Amino acid sequence: MRCFILLASIFFILMTASIAQADEVIISLPALTGDYETGWVPPETAPVIRQTTFSIPSDVLSIDEMRFVLSGTWSEGLIICDYGGPEDPDSTAFTPGLSLWLDAATIPPGDFIHATITPPNGPFTEWSAVFESCCPPGTVDLNLLLGTEIEAELFCDLVLILPCWVEIDSYGTLSDVRIEITGVVPTENYTWGSMKALFR
């Protein structure tokens, strides 16, 4: 009877040792922190774009969701649009989108994974956006980012249409840039040590 219980316990441990569970993995990207500006009003005093590379930890077995998270402070700029009518030109305060693009050798050519955050005017903490694939949206599996080097590019994303121009540039400082991954990782509840303990 004791032998049967021992064998049953070993079988249970072997079965549960491979069980995986949902968990959150945080990847900090300090190379992407610092000053930024949109670059529409010379002279440029801060970068418009920064780049880095990273890899997702090997214990992540699959990805359910990825989030782009920022903290920092930002200042509004001013856009002027003159449509040539008798009215005075329109003026609009703005902050640009901050876009993080991810690419890797495993992603099909022409596709990429991206997320965009539009920061508020002033300090902000942990503003986030969900990564999605392009193009078209939803066609690239996030799991293609596993087991490979990933190229990350963070930039001020502002597109102007004539007859509009930037009168006052928008700029800011990012104190924290990170990616939060919700996915499947191995559980650590049962190990080889758990099995050896049965024989003591």
C-alpha atoms as a PDB file:
ATOM      1  CA  MET A   1       0.000   0.000   0.000  1.00  0.00           C
ATOM      2  CA  ARG A   2       2.849   2.361   0.915  1.00  0.00           C
ATOM      3  CA  CYS A   3       4.497   1.600  -2.426  1.00  0.00           C
ATOM      4  CA  PHE A   4       1.270   2.419  -4.262  1.00  0.00           C
ATOM      5  CA  ILE A   5       0.971   5.793  -2.497  1.00  0.00           C
ATOM      6  CA  LEU A   6       4.611   6.567  -3.298  1.00  0.00           C
ATOM      7  CA  LEU A   7       4.168   5.760  -6.977  1.00  0.00           C
ATOM      8  CA  ALA A   8       0.966   7.800  -7.129  1.00  0.00           C
ATOM      9  CA  SER A   9       2.758  10.769  -5.557  1.00  0.00           C
ATOM     10  CA  ILE A  10       5.602  10.546  -8.065  1.00  0.00           C
ATOM     11  CA  PHE A  11       3.131  10.342 -10.945  1.00  0.00           C
ATOM     12  CA  PHE A  12       1.279  13.426  -9.658  1.00  0.00           C
ATOM     13  CA  ILE A  13       4.520  15.422  -9.399  1.00  0.00           C
ATOM     14  CA  LEU A  14       5.637  14.423 -12.871  1.00  0.00           C
ATOM     15  CA  MET A  15       2.291  15.457 -14.292  1.00  0.00           C
ATOM     16  CA  THR A  16       2.148  18.801 -12.482  1.00  0.00           C
ATOM     17  CA  ALA A  17       5.812  19.686 -13.002  1.00  0.00           C
ATOM     18  CA  SER A  18       5.035  20.635 -16.584  1.00  0.00           C
ATOM     19  CA  ILE A  19       1.960  22.702 -15.714  1.00  0.00           C
ATOM     20  CA  ALA A  20       2.328  26.325 -16.783  1.00  0.00           C
ATOM     21  CA  GLN A  21       0.482  29.334 -15.480  1.00  0.00           C
ATOM     22  CA  ALA A  22      -0.308  32.861 -16.592  1.00  0.00           C
ATOM     23  CA  ASP A  23       2.084  35.444 -15.225  1.00  0.00           C
ATOM     24  CA  GLU A  24       3.398  38.941 -15.947  1.00  0.00           C
ATOM     25  CA  VAL A  25       6.941  39.620 -17.108  1.00  0.00           C
ATOM     26  CA  ILE A  26       8.315  43.175 -17.114  1.00  0.00           C
ATOM     27  CA  ILE A  27      11.086  44.205 -19.517  1.00  0.00           C
ATOM     28  CA  SER A  28      12.645  47.600 -18.785  1.00  0.00           C
ATOM     29  CA  LEU A  29      14.125  49.553 -21.704  1.00  0.00           C
ATOM     30  CA  PRO A  30      16.379  52.203 -20.097  1.00  0.00           C
ATOM     31  CA  ALA A  31      18.069  52.968 -23.431  1.00  0.00           C
ATOM     32  CA  LEU A  32      14.791  54.527 -24.584  1.00  0.00           C
ATOM     33  CA  THR A  33      14.425  56.917 -21.628  1.00  0.00           C
ATOM     34  CA  GLY A  34      15.503  60.581 -21.788  1.00  0.00           C
ATOM     35  CA  ASP A  35      14.512  63.758 -23.616  1.00  0.00           C
ATOM     36  CA  TYR A  36      12.412  63.792 -26.807  1.00  0.00           C
ATOM     37  CA  GLU A  37      10.869  66.392 -29.107  1.00  0.00           C
ATOM     38  CA  THR A  38       8.840  66.300 -32.311  1.00  0.00           C
ATOM     39  CA  GLY A  39      11.621  67.968 -34.304  1.00  0.00           C
ATOM     40  CA  TRP A  40       9.382  70.252 -36.369  1.00  0.00           C
ATOM     41  CA  VAL A  41      10.837  73.525 -35.079  1.00  0.00           C
ATOM     42  CA  PRO A  42      14.605  74.022 -35.508  1.00  0.00           C
ATOM     43  CA  PRO A  43      17.016  73.826 -33.894  1.00  0.00           C
ATOM     44  CA  GLU A  44      16.501  70.339 -32.541  1.00  0.00           C
ATOM     45  CA  THR A  45      17.630  70.125 -28.919  1.00  0.00           C
ATOM     46  CA  ALA A  46      16.561  66.522 -28.208  1.00  0.00           C
ATOM     47  CA  PRO A  47      16.189  63.318 -30.228  1.00  0.00           C
ATOM     48  CA  VAL A  48      13.020  62.504 -32.141  1.00  0.00           C
ATOM     49  CA  ILE A  49      13.818  58.779 -32.069  1.00  0.00           C
ATOM     50  CA  ARG A  50      15.745  56.230 -29.983  1.00  0.00           C
ATOM     51  CA  GLN A  51      16.520  52.574 -30.704  1.00  0.00           C
ATOM     52  CA  THR A  52      17.602  49.511 -28.746  1.00  0.00           C
ATOM     53  CA  THR A  53      17.496  45.709 -28.868  1.00  0.00           C
ATOM     54  CA  PHE A  54      16.296  43.171 -26.320  1.00  0.00           C
ATOM     55  CA  SER A  55      15.054  39.591 -25.961  1.00  0.00           C
ATOM     56  CA  ILE A  56      12.090  38.158 -24.110  1.00  0.00           C
ATOM     57  CA  PRO A  57      13.177  35.854 -21.235  1.00  0.00           C
ATOM     58  CA  SER A  58      13.345  32.216 -22.272  1.00  0.00           C
ATOM     59  CA  ASP A  59      10.978  31.099 -19.505  1.00  0.00           C
ATOM     60  CA  VAL A  60       8.079  32.817 -21.282  1.00  0.00           C
ATOM     61  CA  LEU A  61       6.390  29.956 -23.137  1.00  0.00           C
ATOM     62  CA  SER A  62       3.695  31.976 -24.914  1.00  0.00           C
ATOM     63  CA  ILE A  63       2.378  35.554 -25.063  1.00  0.00           C
ATOM     64  CA  ASP A  64      -1.236  36.467 -24.424  1.00  0.00           C
ATOM     65  CA  GLU A  65      -0.833  40.268 -24.377  1.00  0.00           C
ATOM     66  CA  MET A  66       1.919  42.879 -24.475  1.00  0.00           C
ATOM     67  CA  ARG A  67       1.608  46.421 -23.136  1.00  0.00           C
ATOM     68  CA  PHE A  68       3.780  49.493 -23.769  1.00  0.00           C
ATOM     69  CA  VAL A  69       4.132  51.520 -20.542  1.00  0.00           C
ATOM     70  CA  LEU A  70       5.550  55.036 -20.082  1.00  0.00           C
ATOM     71  CA  SER A  71       6.186  57.447 -17.228  1.00  0.00           C
ATOM     72  CA  GLY A  72       7.597  60.960 -17.475  1.00  0.00           C
ATOM     73  CA  THR A  73       6.568  64.532 -18.171  1.00  0.00           C
ATOM     74  CA  TRP A  74       5.515  66.285 -21.365  1.00  0.00           C
ATOM     75  CA  SER A  75       4.824  69.828 -22.609  1.00  0.00           C
ATOM     76  CA  GLU A  76       2.233  70.764 -25.198  1.00  0.00           C
ATOM     77  CA  GLY A  77       3.151  72.375 -28.486  1.00  0.00           C
ATOM     78  CA  LEU A  78       1.062  74.525 -30.813  1.00  0.00           C
ATOM     79  CA  ILE A  79      -0.129  73.748 -34.353  1.00  0.00           C
ATOM     80  CA  ILE A  80      -1.343  76.542 -36.669  1.00  0.00           C
ATOM     81  CA  CYS A  81      -3.602  75.854 -39.666  1.00  0.00           C
ATOM     82  CA  ASP A  82      -4.293  78.599 -42.239  1.00  0.00           C
ATOM     83  CA  TYR A  83      -6.960  77.647 -44.784  1.00  0.00           C
ATOM     84  CA  GLY A  84      -6.807  80.976 -46.626  1.00  0.00           C
ATOM     85  CA  GLY A  85     -10.256  82.239 -45.677  1.00  0.00           C
ATOM     86  CA  PRO A  86     -11.196  85.510 -44.021  1.00  0.00           C
ATOM     87  CA  GLU A  87     -11.028  83.881 -40.593  1.00  0.00           C
ATOM     88  CA  ASP A  88      -7.899  83.992 -38.484  1.00  0.00           C
ATOM     89  CA  PRO A  89      -5.733  80.853 -38.644  1.00  0.00           C
ATOM     90  CA  ASP A  90      -6.777  78.055 -36.307  1.00  0.00           C
ATOM     91  CA  SER A  91      -4.453  77.179 -33.451  1.00  0.00           C
ATOM     92  CA  THR A  92      -4.494  73.885 -31.591  1.00  0.00           C
ATOM     93  CA  ALA A  93      -2.453  72.685 -28.625  1.00  0.00           C
ATOM     94  CA  PHE A  94      -1.048  69.194 -29.110  1.00  0.00           C
ATOM     95  CA  THR A  95       1.135  66.434 -27.762  1.00  0.00           C
ATOM     96  CA  PRO A  96       2.428  63.866 -30.253  1.00  0.00           C
ATOM     97  CA  GLY A  97       1.885  60.162 -30.159  1.00  0.00           C
ATOM     98  CA  LEU A  98       4.860  58.228 -28.809  1.00  0.00           C
ATOM     99  CA  SER A  99       5.098  55.035 -30.856  1.00  0.00           C
ATOM    100  CA  LEU A 100       7.144  51.947 -30.058  1.00  0.00           C
ATOM    101  CA  TRP A 101       7.747  49.665 -33.030  1.00  0.00           C
ATOM    102  CA  LEU A 102       9.071  46.129 -32.604  1.00  0.00           C
ATOM    103  CA  ASP A 103      10.618  44.059 -35.344  1.00  0.00           C
ATOM    104  CA  ALA A 104      12.568  40.791 -35.534  1.00  0.00           C
ATOM    105  CA  ALA A 105      13.949  38.363 -38.094  1.00  0.00           C
ATOM    106  CA  THR A 106      10.950  36.107 -37.409  1.00  0.00           C
ATOM    107  CA  ILE A 107       8.415  38.774 -38.421  1.00  0.00           C
ATOM    108  CA  PRO A 108       7.364  38.641 -42.106  1.00  0.00           C
ATOM    109  CA  PRO A 109       8.882  41.436 -44.246  1.00  0.00           C
ATOM    110  CA  GLY A 110       6.769  44.578 -44.245  1.00  0.00           C
ATOM    111  CA  ASP A 111       5.022  43.669 -40.989  1.00  0.00           C
ATOM    112  CA  PHE A 112       5.763  44.949 -37.491  1.00  0.00           C
ATOM    113  CA  ILE A 113       4.296  45.115 -33.998  1.00  0.00           C
ATOM    114  CA  HIS A 114       3.550  48.508 -32.491  1.00  0.00           C
ATOM    115  CA  ALA A 115       1.817  50.500 -29.762  1.00  0.00           C
ATOM    116  CA  THR A 116       1.201  54.253 -29.450  1.00  0.00           C
ATOM    117  CA  ILE A 117       0.680  56.398 -26.347  1.00  0.00           C
ATOM    118  CA  THR A 118      -0.357  60.064 -26.471  1.00  0.00           C
ATOM    119  CA  PRO A 119       1.000  61.627 -23.270  1.00  0.00           C
ATOM    120  CA  PRO A 120      -0.875  64.329 -21.373  1.00  0.00           C
ATOM    121  CA  ASN A 121       0.424  67.823 -20.742  1.00  0.00           C
ATOM    122  CA  GLY A 122       2.492  67.670 -17.554  1.00  0.00           C
ATOM    123  CA  PRO A 123       3.702  64.725 -15.431  1.00  0.00           C
ATOM    124  CA  PHE A 124       2.233  61.274 -16.056  1.00  0.00           C
ATOM    125  CA  THR A 125       2.747  57.837 -14.556  1.00  0.00           C
ATOM    126  CA  GLU A 126       2.286  54.426 -16.167  1.00  0.00           C
ATOM    127  CA  TRP A 127       0.320  55.430 -19.244  1.00  0.00           C
ATOM    128  CA  SER A 128      -0.035  52.341 -21.382  1.00  0.00           C
ATOM    129  CA  ALA A 129      -1.237  50.925 -24.686  1.00  0.00           C
ATOM    130  CA  VAL A 130      -1.645  47.389 -26.019  1.00  0.00           C
ATOM    131  CA  PHE A 131       0.680  46.198 -28.778  1.00  0.00           C
ATOM    132  CA  GLU A 132      -0.923  45.159 -32.043  1.00  0.00           C
ATOM    133  CA  SER A 133       0.447  43.987 -35.352  1.00  0.00           C
ATOM    134  CA  CYS A 134       0.475  45.778 -38.670  1.00  0.00           C
ATOM    135  CA  CYS A 135      -0.238  45.554 -41.561  1.00  0.00           C
ATOM    136  CA  PRO A 136      -3.127  44.773 -41.726  1.00  0.00           C
ATOM    137  CA  PRO A 137      -3.825  44.729 -37.978  1.00  0.00           C
ATOM    138  CA  GLY A 138      -3.960  41.382 -36.235  1.00  0.00           C
ATOM    139  CA  THR A 139      -2.050  39.409 -38.845  1.00  0.00           C
ATOM    140  CA  VAL A 140       1.197  38.835 -36.905  1.00  0.00           C
ATOM    141  CA  ASP A 141       1.373  36.408 -33.977  1.00  0.00           C
ATOM    142  CA  LEU A 142       3.068  37.978 -30.928  1.00  0.00           C
ATOM    143  CA  ASN A 143       4.686  34.620 -30.208  1.00  0.00           C
ATOM    144  CA  LEU A 144       6.980  35.173 -33.197  1.00  0.00           C
ATOM    145  CA  LEU A 145       8.933  37.479 -30.848  1.00  0.00           C
ATOM    146  CA  LEU A 146       9.950  34.555 -28.613  1.00  0.00           C
ATOM    147  CA  GLY A 147      13.478  33.174 -28.864  1.00  0.00           C
ATOM    148  CA  THR A 148      14.906  35.940 -31.039  1.00  0.00           C
ATOM    149  CA  GLU A 149      16.529  39.355 -30.799  1.00  0.00           C
ATOM    150  CA  ILE A 150      13.984  42.177 -31.028  1.00  0.00           C
ATOM    151  CA  GLU A 151      14.652  45.621 -32.459  1.00  0.00           C
ATOM    152  CA  ALA A 152      12.774  48.411 -30.656  1.00  0.00           C
ATOM    153  CA  GLU A 153      12.299  51.933 -32.018  1.00  0.00           C
ATOM    154  CA  LEU A 154      10.592  54.664 -29.982  1.00  0.00           C
ATOM    155  CA  PHE A 155       9.764  57.941 -31.717  1.00  0.00           C
ATOM    156  CA  CYS A 156       7.539  61.012 -31.709  1.00  0.00           C
ATOM    157  CA  ASP A 157       4.777  60.187 -34.162  1.00  0.00           C
ATOM    158  CA  LEU A 158       3.326  63.367 -35.662  1.00  0.00           C
ATOM    159  CA  VAL A 159       2.010  63.716 -39.215  1.00  0.00           C
ATOM    160  CA  LEU A 160       1.051  67.191 -40.475  1.00  0.00           C
ATOM    161  CA  ILE A 161      -1.213  67.978 -43.421  1.00  0.00           C
ATOM    162  CA  LEU A 162      -0.836  71.278 -45.250  1.00  0.00           C
ATOM    163  CA  PRO A 163      -1.678  74.072 -44.626  1.00  0.00           C
ATOM    164  CA  CYS A 164      -0.756  73.310 -41.009  1.00  0.00           C
ATOM    165  CA  TRP A 165       2.584  73.765 -39.292  1.00  0.00           C
ATOM    166  CA  VAL A 166       4.101  73.480 -35.824  1.00  0.00           C
ATOM    167  CA  GLU A 167       4.505  76.932 -34.297  1.00  0.00           C
ATOM    168  CA  ILE A 168       5.715  75.743 -30.884  1.00  0.00           C
ATOM    169  CA  ASP A 169       7.375  72.369 -30.550  1.00  0.00           C
ATOM    170  CA  SER A 170       6.166  69.714 -28.127  1.00  0.00           C
ATOM    171  CA  TYR A 171       8.795  68.015 -25.994  1.00  0.00           C
ATOM    172  CA  GLY A 172       9.232  65.922 -22.881  1.00  0.00           C
ATOM    173  CA  THR A 173      11.322  63.561 -20.782  1.00  0.00           C
ATOM    174  CA  LEU A 174      10.619  59.854 -20.333  1.00  0.00           C
ATOM    175  CA  SER A 175      11.777  58.475 -16.983  1.00  0.00           C
ATOM    176  CA  ASP A 176      10.545  54.915 -17.483  1.00  0.00           C
ATOM    177  CA  VAL A 177       9.957  52.872 -20.640  1.00  0.00           C
ATOM    178  CA  ARG A 178       8.973  49.238 -20.320  1.00  0.00           C
ATOM    179  CA  ILE A 179       7.053  46.356 -21.846  1.00  0.00           C
ATOM    180  CA  GLU A 180       4.693  44.269 -19.724  1.00  0.00           C
ATOM    181  CA  ILE A 181       4.013  40.783 -21.048  1.00  0.00           C
ATOM    182  CA  THR A 182       1.122  38.633 -19.871  1.00  0.00           C
ATOM    183  CA  GLY A 183       1.830  35.082 -20.875  1.00  0.00           C
ATOM    184  CA  VAL A 184       2.503  31.521 -19.828  1.00  0.00           C
ATOM    185  CA  VAL A 185       5.536  30.602 -17.731  1.00  0.00           C
ATOM    186  CA  PRO A 186       6.403  27.316 -15.992  1.00  0.00           C
ATOM    187  CA  THR A 187       5.156  26.941 -12.443  1.00  0.00           C
ATOM    188  CA  GLU A 188       7.792  26.378  -9.753  1.00  0.00           C
ATOM    189  CA  ASN A 189       5.550  24.557  -7.287  1.00  0.00           C
ATOM    190  CA  TYR A 190       7.097  21.160  -8.027  1.00  0.00           C
ATOM    191  CA  THR A 191      10.765  20.438  -8.608  1.00  0.00           C
ATOM    192  CA  TRP A 192      13.150  17.487  -8.553  1.00  0.00           C
ATOM    193  CA  GLY A 193      13.758  18.390  -4.932  1.00  0.00           C
ATOM    194  CA  SER A 194      10.088  17.700  -4.252  1.00  0.00           C
ATOM    195  CA  MET A 195      10.505  14.195  -5.632  1.00  0.00           C
ATOM    196  CA  LYS A 196      13.675  13.468  -3.616  1.00  0.00           C
ATOM    197  CA  ALA A 197      11.898  14.570  -0.457  1.00  0.00           C
ATOM    198  CA  LEU A 198       9.492  11.629  -0.853  1.00  0.00           C
ATOM    199  CA  PHE A 199      12.344   9.179  -0.359  1.00  0.00           C
ATOM    200  CA  ARG A 200      13.662  10.664   2.885  1.00  0.00           C
END
